[in-house]
Amino acid sequence: DVLRGTYSIDRERIVLGGFSNGGGLALWLAVHQSIKTCGFIVLGPTLTAAELEAITTLFDTQTPSDLRGYFIVGEEDGWSLETSHRIAALLQAHDVPCKLEILPGLDHSYPAHFTECLTRGLAFVS
Protein backbone atom coordinates (compact mmCIF):
# COMPACT_ATOMS: atom_id res chain seq x y z
CA ASP A 1 0.00 0.00 0.00
CA VAL A 2 2.90 2.38 0.67
CA LEU A 3 4.24 1.86 -2.87
CA ARG A 4 0.79 2.36 -4.42
CA GLY A 5 0.43 5.59 -2.46
CA THR A 6 3.73 6.87 -3.82
CA TYR A 7 3.78 5.41 -7.34
CA SER A 8 1.22 4.69 -10.02
CA ILE A 9 1.18 0.90 -10.20
CA ASP A 10 -0.97 -0.99 -12.69
CA ARG A 11 -1.83 -4.13 -10.73
CA GLU A 12 -2.98 -5.85 -13.95
CA ARG A 13 0.60 -5.72 -15.30
CA ILE A 14 2.53 -7.01 -12.29
CA VAL A 15 4.61 -10.11 -13.04
CA LEU A 16 6.36 -11.91 -10.20
CA GLY A 17 9.66 -13.63 -10.86
CA GLY A 18 12.62 -15.26 -9.25
CA PHE A 19 15.31 -17.93 -9.38
CA SER A 20 15.56 -21.01 -7.16
CA ASN A 21 14.04 -20.21 -3.74
CA GLY A 22 13.01 -16.80 -5.09
CA GLY A 23 11.23 -18.57 -7.94
CA GLY A 24 9.44 -20.80 -5.45
CA LEU A 25 8.35 -17.74 -3.48
CA ALA A 26 7.13 -15.94 -6.63
CA LEU A 27 5.17 -19.04 -7.62
CA TRP A 28 3.71 -19.39 -4.12
CA LEU A 29 2.62 -15.74 -3.94
CA ALA A 30 1.10 -15.87 -7.43
CA VAL A 31 -0.99 -19.04 -7.01
CA HIS A 32 -2.16 -18.01 -3.56
CA GLN A 33 -2.93 -14.56 -5.00
CA SER A 34 -1.18 -12.95 -2.04
CA ILE A 35 -0.20 -10.21 -4.49
CA LYS A 36 -2.54 -9.31 -7.33
CA THR A 37 -0.57 -10.27 -10.42
CA CYS A 38 -1.21 -11.20 -14.03
CA GLY A 39 1.47 -13.85 -13.96
CA PHE A 40 4.80 -15.24 -12.91
CA ILE A 41 8.08 -16.19 -14.56
CA VAL A 42 10.26 -18.56 -12.58
CA LEU A 43 13.71 -19.97 -13.26
CA GLY A 44 14.48 -23.25 -11.54
CA PRO A 45 11.87 -22.82 -8.79
CA THR A 46 12.39 -24.78 -5.59
CA LEU A 47 9.65 -25.68 -3.14
CA THR A 48 9.65 -27.98 -0.14
CA ALA A 49 7.52 -31.12 -0.16
CA ALA A 50 5.12 -29.41 2.26
CA GLU A 51 4.83 -26.36 -0.03
CA LEU A 52 4.14 -28.58 -3.04
CA GLU A 53 1.43 -30.39 -1.08
CA ALA A 54 -0.09 -27.09 0.08
CA ILE A 55 -0.32 -25.82 -3.51
CA THR A 56 -1.92 -29.09 -4.62
CA THR A 57 -4.43 -28.81 -1.77
CA LEU A 58 -5.13 -25.17 -2.65
CA PHE A 59 -6.29 -26.24 -6.12
CA ASP A 60 -8.78 -28.66 -4.53
CA THR A 61 -10.70 -25.67 -3.18
CA GLN A 62 -9.84 -22.70 -5.42
CA THR A 63 -8.19 -21.87 -8.70
CA PRO A 64 -6.28 -18.62 -9.21
CA SER A 65 -8.09 -16.35 -11.65
CA ASP A 66 -6.52 -14.27 -14.41
CA LEU A 67 -3.10 -15.85 -13.90
CA ARG A 68 -0.53 -17.09 -16.41
CA GLY A 69 2.74 -18.81 -15.60
CA TYR A 70 6.06 -19.43 -17.31
CA PHE A 71 8.67 -21.89 -16.08
CA ILE A 72 12.30 -21.88 -17.26
CA VAL A 73 14.22 -24.93 -16.08
CA GLY A 74 17.27 -26.90 -17.14
CA GLU A 75 16.84 -30.49 -18.25
CA GLU A 76 19.67 -31.39 -15.84
CA ASP A 77 18.26 -29.42 -12.90
CA GLY A 78 17.85 -32.11 -10.26
CA TRP A 79 16.34 -29.59 -7.82
CA SER A 80 13.64 -28.02 -9.95
CA LEU A 81 12.74 -30.06 -13.02
CA GLU A 82 10.27 -32.36 -11.25
CA THR A 83 8.73 -29.45 -9.30
CA SER A 84 8.26 -27.46 -12.50
CA HIS A 85 6.64 -30.41 -14.29
CA ARG A 86 4.35 -31.10 -11.35
CA ILE A 87 3.14 -27.51 -10.86
CA ALA A 88 2.78 -26.88 -14.61
CA ALA A 89 0.62 -30.00 -14.95
CA LEU A 90 -1.49 -28.91 -11.97
CA LEU A 91 -2.01 -25.44 -13.47
CA GLN A 92 -2.91 -26.87 -16.88
CA ALA A 93 -5.35 -29.34 -15.32
CA HIS A 94 -7.15 -26.36 -13.79
CA ASP A 95 -7.14 -24.32 -17.02
CA VAL A 96 -4.48 -21.88 -15.81
CA PRO A 97 -2.36 -21.08 -18.88
CA CYS A 98 1.29 -21.90 -18.39
CA LYS A 99 4.33 -22.90 -20.37
CA LEU A 100 7.30 -25.00 -19.37
CA GLU A 101 10.53 -24.15 -21.21
CA ILE A 102 13.09 -26.90 -20.64
CA LEU A 103 16.63 -25.92 -21.61
CA PRO A 104 18.93 -28.70 -22.86
CA GLY A 105 22.18 -29.18 -20.97
CA LEU A 106 21.35 -26.65 -18.25
CA ASP A 107 21.61 -27.47 -14.55
CA HIS A 108 20.38 -25.30 -11.66
CA SER A 109 21.79 -22.04 -13.01
CA TYR A 110 21.05 -19.08 -15.25
CA PRO A 111 21.23 -19.84 -18.99
CA ALA A 112 23.64 -17.80 -21.12
CA HIS A 113 20.65 -16.57 -23.14
CA PHE A 114 18.50 -15.69 -20.12
CA THR A 115 17.34 -12.38 -21.62
CA GLU A 116 15.77 -14.25 -24.54
CA CYS A 117 14.05 -16.70 -22.19
CA LEU A 118 12.73 -13.84 -20.08
CA THR A 119 11.46 -12.05 -23.19
CA ARG A 120 9.53 -15.17 -24.23
CA GLY A 121 8.16 -15.48 -20.71
CA LEU A 122 6.98 -11.87 -20.60
CA ALA A 123 5.31 -12.26 -24.01
CA PHE A 124 3.48 -15.33 -22.73
CA VAL A 125 2.22 -13.92 -19.43
CA SER A 126 1.23 -10.47 -20.68
C-alpha atoms as a PDB file:
ATOM      1  CA  ASP A   1       0.000   0.000   0.000  1.00  0.00           C
ATOM      2  CA  VAL A   2       2.902   2.376   0.666  1.00  0.00           C
ATOM      3  CA  LEU A   3       4.236   1.861  -2.872  1.00  0.00           C
ATOM      4  CA  ARG A   4       0.791   2.359  -4.417  1.00  0.00           C
ATOM      5  CA  GLY A   5       0.430   5.591  -2.458  1.00  0.00           C
ATOM      6  CA  THR A   6       3.730   6.873  -3.815  1.00  0.00           C
ATOM      7  CA  TYR A   7       3.776   5.413  -7.339  1.00  0.00           C
ATOM      8  CA  SER A   8       1.222   4.694 -10.024  1.00  0.00           C
ATOM      9  CA  ILE A   9       1.183   0.897 -10.202  1.00  0.00           C
ATOM     10  CA  ASP A  10      -0.968  -0.989 -12.691  1.00  0.00           C
ATOM     11  CA  ARG A  11      -1.835  -4.130 -10.733  1.00  0.00           C
ATOM     12  CA  GLU A  12      -2.976  -5.846 -13.951  1.00  0.00           C
ATOM     13  CA  ARG A  13       0.596  -5.720 -15.301  1.00  0.00           C
ATOM     14  CA  ILE A  14       2.530  -7.012 -12.293  1.00  0.00           C
ATOM     15  CA  VAL A  15       4.608 -10.115 -13.043  1.00  0.00           C
ATOM     16  CA  LEU A  16       6.359 -11.913 -10.197  1.00  0.00           C
ATOM     17  CA  GLY A  17       9.655 -13.626 -10.864  1.00  0.00           C
ATOM     18  CA  GLY A  18      12.621 -15.260  -9.251  1.00  0.00           C
ATOM     19  CA  PHE A  19      15.307 -17.935  -9.384  1.00  0.00           C
ATOM     20  CA  SER A  20      15.558 -21.013  -7.164  1.00  0.00           C
ATOM     21  CA  ASN A  21      14.036 -20.208  -3.737  1.00  0.00           C
ATOM     22  CA  GLY A  22      13.005 -16.801  -5.087  1.00  0.00           C
ATOM     23  CA  GLY A  23      11.225 -18.574  -7.938  1.00  0.00           C
ATOM     24  CA  GLY A  24       9.444 -20.801  -5.448  1.00  0.00           C
ATOM     25  CA  LEU A  25       8.353 -17.736  -3.484  1.00  0.00           C
ATOM     26  CA  ALA A  26       7.135 -15.939  -6.628  1.00  0.00           C
ATOM     27  CA  LEU A  27       5.173 -19.041  -7.624  1.00  0.00           C
ATOM     28  CA  TRP A  28       3.707 -19.392  -4.118  1.00  0.00           C
ATOM     29  CA  LEU A  29       2.620 -15.741  -3.943  1.00  0.00           C
ATOM     30  CA  ALA A  30       1.098 -15.866  -7.429  1.00  0.00           C
ATOM     31  CA  VAL A  31      -0.986 -19.040  -7.011  1.00  0.00           C
ATOM     32  CA  HIS A  32      -2.162 -18.005  -3.557  1.00  0.00           C
ATOM     33  CA  GLN A  33      -2.934 -14.559  -4.998  1.00  0.00           C
ATOM     34  CA  SER A  34      -1.179 -12.949  -2.045  1.00  0.00           C
ATOM     35  CA  ILE A  35      -0.197 -10.214  -4.489  1.00  0.00           C
ATOM     36  CA  LYS A  36      -2.536  -9.307  -7.333  1.00  0.00           C
ATOM     37  CA  THR A  37      -0.567 -10.274 -10.420  1.00  0.00           C
ATOM     38  CA  CYS A  38      -1.209 -11.204 -14.030  1.00  0.00           C
ATOM     39  CA  GLY A  39       1.474 -13.854 -13.962  1.00  0.00           C
ATOM     40  CA  PHE A  40       4.800 -15.241 -12.906  1.00  0.00           C
ATOM     41  CA  ILE A  41       8.078 -16.193 -14.562  1.00  0.00           C
ATOM     42  CA  VAL A  42      10.260 -18.562 -12.577  1.00  0.00           C
ATOM     43  CA  LEU A  43      13.708 -19.966 -13.262  1.00  0.00           C
ATOM     44  CA  GLY A  44      14.482 -23.253 -11.544  1.00  0.00           C
ATOM     45  CA  PRO A  45      11.870 -22.821  -8.792  1.00  0.00           C
ATOM     46  CA  THR A  46      12.386 -24.782  -5.590  1.00  0.00           C
ATOM     47  CA  LEU A  47       9.646 -25.680  -3.142  1.00  0.00           C
ATOM     48  CA  THR A  48       9.646 -27.984  -0.136  1.00  0.00           C
ATOM     49  CA  ALA A  49       7.518 -31.120  -0.163  1.00  0.00           C
ATOM     50  CA  ALA A  50       5.123 -29.408   2.257  1.00  0.00           C
ATOM     51  CA  GLU A  51       4.826 -26.362  -0.027  1.00  0.00           C
ATOM     52  CA  LEU A  52       4.140 -28.584  -3.037  1.00  0.00           C
ATOM     53  CA  GLU A  53       1.428 -30.388  -1.085  1.00  0.00           C
ATOM     54  CA  ALA A  54      -0.087 -27.085   0.079  1.00  0.00           C
ATOM     55  CA  ILE A  55      -0.316 -25.818  -3.507  1.00  0.00           C
ATOM     56  CA  THR A  56      -1.923 -29.086  -4.616  1.00  0.00           C
ATOM     57  CA  THR A  57      -4.433 -28.810  -1.769  1.00  0.00           C
ATOM     58  CA  LEU A  58      -5.134 -25.174  -2.655  1.00  0.00           C
ATOM     59  CA  PHE A  59      -6.286 -26.244  -6.119  1.00  0.00           C
ATOM     60  CA  ASP A  60      -8.775 -28.658  -4.528  1.00  0.00           C
ATOM     61  CA  THR A  61     -10.702 -25.666  -3.178  1.00  0.00           C
ATOM     62  CA  GLN A  62      -9.841 -22.697  -5.418  1.00  0.00           C
ATOM     63  CA  THR A  63      -8.186 -21.870  -8.702  1.00  0.00           C
ATOM     64  CA  PRO A  64      -6.283 -18.618  -9.214  1.00  0.00           C
ATOM     65  CA  SER A  65      -8.087 -16.353 -11.650  1.00  0.00           C
ATOM     66  CA  ASP A  66      -6.517 -14.272 -14.406  1.00  0.00           C
ATOM     67  CA  LEU A  67      -3.103 -15.851 -13.897  1.00  0.00           C
ATOM     68  CA  ARG A  68      -0.532 -17.090 -16.409  1.00  0.00           C
ATOM     69  CA  GLY A  69       2.738 -18.808 -15.596  1.00  0.00           C
ATOM     70  CA  TYR A  70       6.062 -19.427 -17.314  1.00  0.00           C
ATOM     71  CA  PHE A  71       8.674 -21.894 -16.080  1.00  0.00           C
ATOM     72  CA  ILE A  72      12.297 -21.884 -17.258  1.00  0.00           C
ATOM     73  CA  VAL A  73      14.218 -24.929 -16.081  1.00  0.00           C
ATOM     74  CA  GLY A  74      17.267 -26.899 -17.143  1.00  0.00           C
ATOM     75  CA  GLU A  75      16.844 -30.491 -18.247  1.00  0.00           C
ATOM     76  CA  GLU A  76      19.667 -31.392 -15.841  1.00  0.00           C
ATOM     77  CA  ASP A  77      18.257 -29.423 -12.899  1.00  0.00           C
ATOM     78  CA  GLY A  78      17.847 -32.110 -10.258  1.00  0.00           C
ATOM     79  CA  TRP A  79      16.344 -29.594  -7.820  1.00  0.00           C
ATOM     80  CA  SER A  80      13.643 -28.017  -9.949  1.00  0.00           C
ATOM     81  CA  LEU A  81      12.740 -30.059 -13.016  1.00  0.00           C
ATOM     82  CA  GLU A  82      10.268 -32.361 -11.250  1.00  0.00           C
ATOM     83  CA  THR A  83       8.734 -29.455  -9.300  1.00  0.00           C
ATOM     84  CA  SER A  84       8.260 -27.461 -12.502  1.00  0.00           C
ATOM     85  CA  HIS A  85       6.640 -30.412 -14.291  1.00  0.00           C
ATOM     86  CA  ARG A  86       4.346 -31.099 -11.351  1.00  0.00           C
ATOM     87  CA  ILE A  87       3.138 -27.510 -10.859  1.00  0.00           C
ATOM     88  CA  ALA A  88       2.782 -26.881 -14.614  1.00  0.00           C
ATOM     89  CA  ALA A  89       0.619 -30.004 -14.945  1.00  0.00           C
ATOM     90  CA  LEU A  90      -1.489 -28.905 -11.974  1.00  0.00           C
ATOM     91  CA  LEU A  91      -2.014 -25.443 -13.469  1.00  0.00           C
ATOM     92  CA  GLN A  92      -2.907 -26.870 -16.881  1.00  0.00           C
ATOM     93  CA  ALA A  93      -5.345 -29.343 -15.323  1.00  0.00           C
ATOM     94  CA  HIS A  94      -7.151 -26.364 -13.785  1.00  0.00           C
ATOM     95  CA  ASP A  95      -7.140 -24.319 -17.016  1.00  0.00           C
ATOM     96  CA  VAL A  96      -4.482 -21.876 -15.814  1.00  0.00           C
ATOM     97  CA  PRO A  97      -2.364 -21.079 -18.880  1.00  0.00           C
ATOM     98  CA  CYS A  98       1.293 -21.899 -18.389  1.00  0.00           C
ATOM     99  CA  LYS A  99       4.334 -22.899 -20.370  1.00  0.00           C
ATOM    100  CA  LEU A 100       7.299 -25.003 -19.371  1.00  0.00           C
ATOM    101  CA  GLU A 101      10.528 -24.151 -21.211  1.00  0.00           C
ATOM    102  CA  ILE A 102      13.094 -26.898 -20.643  1.00  0.00           C
ATOM    103  CA  LEU A 103      16.631 -25.917 -21.607  1.00  0.00           C
ATOM    104  CA  PRO A 104      18.929 -28.701 -22.861  1.00  0.00           C
ATOM    105  CA  GLY A 105      22.182 -29.183 -20.971  1.00  0.00           C
ATOM    106  CA  LEU A 106      21.346 -26.653 -18.246  1.00  0.00           C
ATOM    107  CA  ASP A 107      21.610 -27.472 -14.552  1.00  0.00           C
ATOM    108  CA  HIS A 108      20.377 -25.299 -11.656  1.00  0.00           C
ATOM    109  CA  SER A 109      21.790 -22.042 -13.010  1.00  0.00           C
ATOM    110  CA  TYR A 110      21.053 -19.081 -15.254  1.00  0.00           C
ATOM    111  CA  PRO A 111      21.234 -19.839 -18.986  1.00  0.00           C
ATOM    112  CA  ALA A 112      23.638 -17.804 -21.119  1.00  0.00           C
ATOM    113  CA  HIS A 113      20.645 -16.573 -23.140  1.00  0.00           C
ATOM    114  CA  PHE A 114      18.496 -15.688 -20.123  1.00  0.00           C
ATOM    115  CA  THR A 115      17.336 -12.376 -21.620  1.00  0.00           C
ATOM    116  CA  GLU A 116      15.774 -14.250 -24.545  1.00  0.00           C
ATOM    117  CA  CYS A 117      14.050 -16.700 -22.188  1.00  0.00           C
ATOM    118  CA  LEU A 118      12.734 -13.836 -20.080  1.00  0.00           C
ATOM    119  CA  THR A 119      11.455 -12.046 -23.188  1.00  0.00           C
ATOM    120  CA  ARG A 120       9.530 -15.172 -24.225  1.00  0.00           C
ATOM    121  CA  GLY A 121       8.158 -15.481 -20.705  1.00  0.00           C
ATOM    122  CA  LEU A 122       6.983 -11.868 -20.605  1.00  0.00           C
ATOM    123  CA  ALA A 123       5.314 -12.255 -24.006  1.00  0.00           C
ATOM    124  CA  PHE A 124       3.476 -15.327 -22.733  1.00  0.00           C
ATOM    125  CA  VAL A 125       2.224 -13.920 -19.430  1.00  0.00           C
ATOM    126  CA  SER A 126       1.234 -10.470 -20.676  1.00  0.00           C
END
